[in-house]
Amino acid sequence: MDQKQNAAMNQAIDLLINNDTDISTLLKEDGLLKQLTKRLVENALQSEMNNHLGYDKYCHTDSDNVRNGKMELTLAKV
């Protein structure tokens, strides 16, 4: 992380801490910590999926492989 990103991160953390925020609201069941963790995990999983497949979600290519789940499929009866 470069100096500019580090400064921005520190500023965001300072806003949370110095904003007279009650610490219990950060740590309660649906508090900020849970929401932050959820978004971090979702973003990490999305990045991992993009890297694994080689393209972003909803990025249409010439391939028949569509990732958005909106492609019609024909099933053969056995």
N, C-alpha and C. Protein backbone atom coordinates (compact mmCIF):
# COMPACT_ATOMS: atom_id res chain seq x y z
N MET A 1 0.85 -1.17 0.00
CA MET A 1 0.00 0.00 0.00
C MET A 1 0.90 1.23 0.00
N ASP A 2 0.62 2.14 -0.91
CA ASP A 2 1.45 3.33 -0.99
C ASP A 2 1.02 4.35 0.06
N GLN A 3 1.76 5.41 0.14
CA GLN A 3 1.55 6.42 1.18
C GLN A 3 0.19 7.11 1.04
N LYS A 4 -0.24 7.35 -0.20
CA LYS A 4 -1.52 8.02 -0.44
C LYS A 4 -2.69 7.14 0.02
N GLN A 5 -2.63 5.84 -0.31
CA GLN A 5 -3.68 4.92 0.11
C GLN A 5 -3.69 4.77 1.62
N ASN A 6 -2.52 4.70 2.22
CA ASN A 6 -2.41 4.56 3.66
C ASN A 6 -3.00 5.78 4.37
N ALA A 7 -2.75 6.96 3.84
CA ALA A 7 -3.29 8.19 4.43
C ALA A 7 -4.81 8.21 4.32
N ALA A 8 -5.35 7.78 3.18
CA ALA A 8 -6.80 7.74 2.99
C ALA A 8 -7.44 6.75 3.95
N MET A 9 -6.80 5.60 4.14
CA MET A 9 -7.32 4.58 5.06
C MET A 9 -7.30 5.10 6.49
N ASN A 10 -6.21 5.74 6.87
CA ASN A 10 -6.12 6.30 8.22
C ASN A 10 -7.17 7.39 8.44
N GLN A 11 -7.42 8.19 7.42
CA GLN A 11 -8.43 9.24 7.53
C GLN A 11 -9.82 8.63 7.71
N ALA A 12 -10.13 7.58 6.99
CA ALA A 12 -11.43 6.92 7.12
C ALA A 12 -11.59 6.31 8.51
N ILE A 13 -10.54 5.70 9.02
CA ILE A 13 -10.59 5.11 10.36
C ILE A 13 -10.76 6.20 11.41
N ASP A 14 -10.04 7.31 11.25
CA ASP A 14 -10.17 8.42 12.18
C ASP A 14 -11.59 8.99 12.19
N LEU A 15 -12.22 9.06 11.03
CA LEU A 15 -13.60 9.54 10.96
C LEU A 15 -14.53 8.64 11.77
N LEU A 16 -14.32 7.35 11.70
CA LEU A 16 -15.15 6.42 12.46
C LEU A 16 -14.92 6.54 13.95
N ILE A 17 -13.66 6.66 14.33
CA ILE A 17 -13.32 6.67 15.75
C ILE A 17 -13.62 8.02 16.40
N ASN A 18 -13.29 9.11 15.73
CA ASN A 18 -13.40 10.44 16.32
C ASN A 18 -14.76 11.09 16.15
N ASN A 19 -15.71 10.39 15.60
CA ASN A 19 -17.01 10.97 15.32
C ASN A 19 -17.97 10.78 16.50
N ASP A 20 -17.44 10.68 17.72
CA ASP A 20 -18.24 10.45 18.91
C ASP A 20 -19.16 9.24 18.75
N THR A 21 -18.67 8.24 18.06
CA THR A 21 -19.43 7.02 17.84
C THR A 21 -19.32 6.13 19.06
N ASP A 22 -20.47 5.65 19.51
CA ASP A 22 -20.49 4.71 20.62
C ASP A 22 -19.90 3.39 20.13
N ILE A 23 -18.92 2.88 20.84
CA ILE A 23 -18.24 1.66 20.40
C ILE A 23 -19.19 0.48 20.34
N SER A 24 -20.26 0.50 21.11
CA SER A 24 -21.21 -0.62 21.08
C SER A 24 -21.93 -0.69 19.73
N THR A 25 -22.10 0.45 19.06
CA THR A 25 -22.75 0.41 17.74
C THR A 25 -21.83 -0.21 16.70
N LEU A 26 -20.53 -0.13 16.92
CA LEU A 26 -19.59 -0.74 16.00
C LEU A 26 -19.54 -2.26 16.16
N LEU A 27 -19.75 -2.72 17.39
CA LEU A 27 -19.56 -4.13 17.68
C LEU A 27 -20.86 -4.91 17.86
N LYS A 28 -22.01 -4.26 17.78
CA LYS A 28 -23.26 -4.99 17.98
C LYS A 28 -23.51 -5.97 16.83
N GLU A 29 -24.57 -6.76 16.94
CA GLU A 29 -24.82 -7.87 16.01
C GLU A 29 -24.81 -7.44 14.55
N ASP A 30 -25.49 -6.37 14.20
CA ASP A 30 -25.51 -5.89 12.82
C ASP A 30 -24.76 -4.56 12.70
N GLY A 31 -23.71 -4.44 13.46
CA GLY A 31 -22.96 -3.20 13.50
C GLY A 31 -22.00 -3.03 12.34
N LEU A 32 -21.25 -1.98 12.43
CA LEU A 32 -20.33 -1.60 11.37
C LEU A 32 -19.27 -2.67 11.11
N LEU A 33 -18.77 -3.28 12.16
CA LEU A 33 -17.73 -4.30 12.00
C LEU A 33 -18.25 -5.47 11.16
N LYS A 34 -19.48 -5.90 11.42
CA LYS A 34 -20.06 -7.01 10.66
C LYS A 34 -20.27 -6.61 9.20
N GLN A 35 -20.78 -5.41 8.98
CA GLN A 35 -21.01 -4.94 7.61
C GLN A 35 -19.70 -4.79 6.84
N LEU A 36 -18.69 -4.28 7.50
CA LEU A 36 -17.38 -4.12 6.87
C LEU A 36 -16.78 -5.47 6.52
N THR A 37 -16.86 -6.42 7.45
CA THR A 37 -16.35 -7.76 7.20
C THR A 37 -17.08 -8.41 6.04
N LYS A 38 -18.40 -8.26 6.00
CA LYS A 38 -19.21 -8.84 4.92
C LYS A 38 -18.78 -8.29 3.56
N ARG A 39 -18.62 -6.99 3.47
CA ARG A 39 -18.24 -6.38 2.19
C ARG A 39 -16.83 -6.79 1.77
N LEU A 40 -15.92 -6.89 2.73
CA LEU A 40 -14.56 -7.31 2.41
C LEU A 40 -14.53 -8.74 1.88
N VAL A 41 -15.28 -9.63 2.53
CA VAL A 41 -15.32 -11.03 2.09
C VAL A 41 -15.98 -11.14 0.72
N GLU A 42 -17.09 -10.42 0.50
CA GLU A 42 -17.77 -10.46 -0.79
C GLU A 42 -16.87 -9.95 -1.91
N ASN A 43 -16.17 -8.86 -1.67
CA ASN A 43 -15.25 -8.32 -2.68
C ASN A 43 -14.10 -9.27 -2.96
N ALA A 44 -13.58 -9.91 -1.91
CA ALA A 44 -12.49 -10.87 -2.11
C ALA A 44 -12.97 -12.07 -2.92
N LEU A 45 -14.17 -12.58 -2.62
CA LEU A 45 -14.70 -13.72 -3.37
C LEU A 45 -14.98 -13.34 -4.82
N GLN A 46 -15.51 -12.14 -5.04
CA GLN A 46 -15.79 -11.68 -6.41
C GLN A 46 -14.49 -11.55 -7.20
N SER A 47 -13.46 -11.01 -6.58
CA SER A 47 -12.16 -10.88 -7.25
C SER A 47 -11.56 -12.24 -7.56
N GLU A 48 -11.72 -13.17 -6.63
CA GLU A 48 -11.21 -14.52 -6.85
C GLU A 48 -11.94 -15.19 -8.02
N MET A 49 -13.26 -15.01 -8.09
CA MET A 49 -14.04 -15.60 -9.18
C MET A 49 -13.65 -14.97 -10.52
N ASN A 50 -13.49 -13.64 -10.54
CA ASN A 50 -13.07 -12.96 -11.77
C ASN A 50 -11.72 -13.48 -12.24
N ASN A 51 -10.80 -13.65 -11.30
CA ASN A 51 -9.47 -14.14 -11.65
C ASN A 51 -9.53 -15.58 -12.15
N HIS A 52 -10.34 -16.40 -11.51
CA HIS A 52 -10.45 -17.81 -11.88
C HIS A 52 -11.06 -17.97 -13.28
N LEU A 53 -12.14 -17.22 -13.56
CA LEU A 53 -12.82 -17.34 -14.85
C LEU A 53 -12.13 -16.56 -15.95
N GLY A 54 -11.42 -15.51 -15.59
CA GLY A 54 -10.71 -14.72 -16.58
C GLY A 54 -11.52 -13.57 -17.14
N TYR A 55 -12.71 -13.31 -16.60
CA TYR A 55 -13.51 -12.16 -17.04
C TYR A 55 -14.45 -11.74 -15.91
N ASP A 56 -14.90 -10.48 -15.97
CA ASP A 56 -15.77 -9.93 -14.94
C ASP A 56 -17.21 -10.39 -15.12
N LYS A 57 -17.96 -10.31 -14.04
CA LYS A 57 -19.38 -10.63 -14.07
C LYS A 57 -20.09 -9.68 -15.03
N TYR A 58 -21.02 -10.20 -15.80
CA TYR A 58 -21.81 -9.46 -16.79
C TYR A 58 -20.97 -8.96 -17.96
N CYS A 59 -19.75 -9.41 -18.08
CA CYS A 59 -18.90 -9.03 -19.20
C CYS A 59 -19.13 -10.05 -20.32
N HIS A 60 -19.88 -9.64 -21.34
CA HIS A 60 -20.22 -10.56 -22.42
C HIS A 60 -19.07 -10.66 -23.41
N THR A 61 -18.77 -11.88 -23.76
CA THR A 61 -17.72 -12.14 -24.74
C THR A 61 -18.32 -12.97 -25.87
N ASP A 62 -17.50 -13.39 -26.78
CA ASP A 62 -17.95 -14.23 -27.88
C ASP A 62 -18.20 -15.67 -27.44
N SER A 63 -17.84 -15.98 -26.23
CA SER A 63 -17.99 -17.33 -25.71
C SER A 63 -19.45 -17.64 -25.40
N ASP A 64 -19.81 -18.92 -25.43
CA ASP A 64 -21.15 -19.35 -25.04
C ASP A 64 -21.30 -19.40 -23.53
N ASN A 65 -20.21 -19.29 -22.81
CA ASN A 65 -20.25 -19.35 -21.36
C ASN A 65 -20.67 -17.99 -20.81
N VAL A 66 -21.89 -17.91 -20.27
CA VAL A 66 -22.41 -16.67 -19.72
C VAL A 66 -22.53 -16.82 -18.22
N ARG A 67 -22.05 -15.85 -17.50
CA ARG A 67 -21.95 -15.95 -16.06
C ARG A 67 -23.12 -15.32 -15.31
N ASN A 68 -24.01 -14.62 -15.99
CA ASN A 68 -25.07 -13.92 -15.27
C ASN A 68 -26.30 -14.77 -15.02
N GLY A 69 -26.34 -16.00 -15.50
CA GLY A 69 -27.45 -16.89 -15.23
C GLY A 69 -28.68 -16.61 -16.06
N LYS A 70 -28.58 -15.83 -17.11
CA LYS A 70 -29.74 -15.44 -17.91
C LYS A 70 -29.79 -16.14 -19.27
N MET A 71 -28.95 -17.12 -19.48
CA MET A 71 -28.92 -17.80 -20.76
C MET A 71 -29.88 -18.99 -20.73
N GLU A 72 -30.68 -19.15 -21.77
CA GLU A 72 -31.60 -20.27 -21.83
C GLU A 72 -30.83 -21.54 -22.17
N LEU A 73 -31.22 -22.62 -21.52
CA LEU A 73 -30.61 -23.90 -21.76
C LEU A 73 -31.68 -24.89 -22.19
N THR A 74 -31.34 -25.78 -23.07
CA THR A 74 -32.26 -26.84 -23.49
C THR A 74 -31.76 -28.14 -22.90
N LEU A 75 -32.63 -28.80 -22.15
CA LEU A 75 -32.26 -30.05 -21.52
C LEU A 75 -32.81 -31.20 -22.33
N ALA A 76 -32.02 -32.21 -22.51
CA ALA A 76 -32.45 -33.40 -23.24
C ALA A 76 -33.03 -34.40 -22.24
N LYS A 77 -34.20 -34.96 -22.58
CA LYS A 77 -34.81 -35.98 -21.72
C LYS A 77 -34.13 -37.31 -21.98
N VAL A 78 -33.89 -38.02 -20.92
CA VAL A 78 -33.23 -39.32 -21.05
C VAL A 78 -34.22 -40.42 -20.82
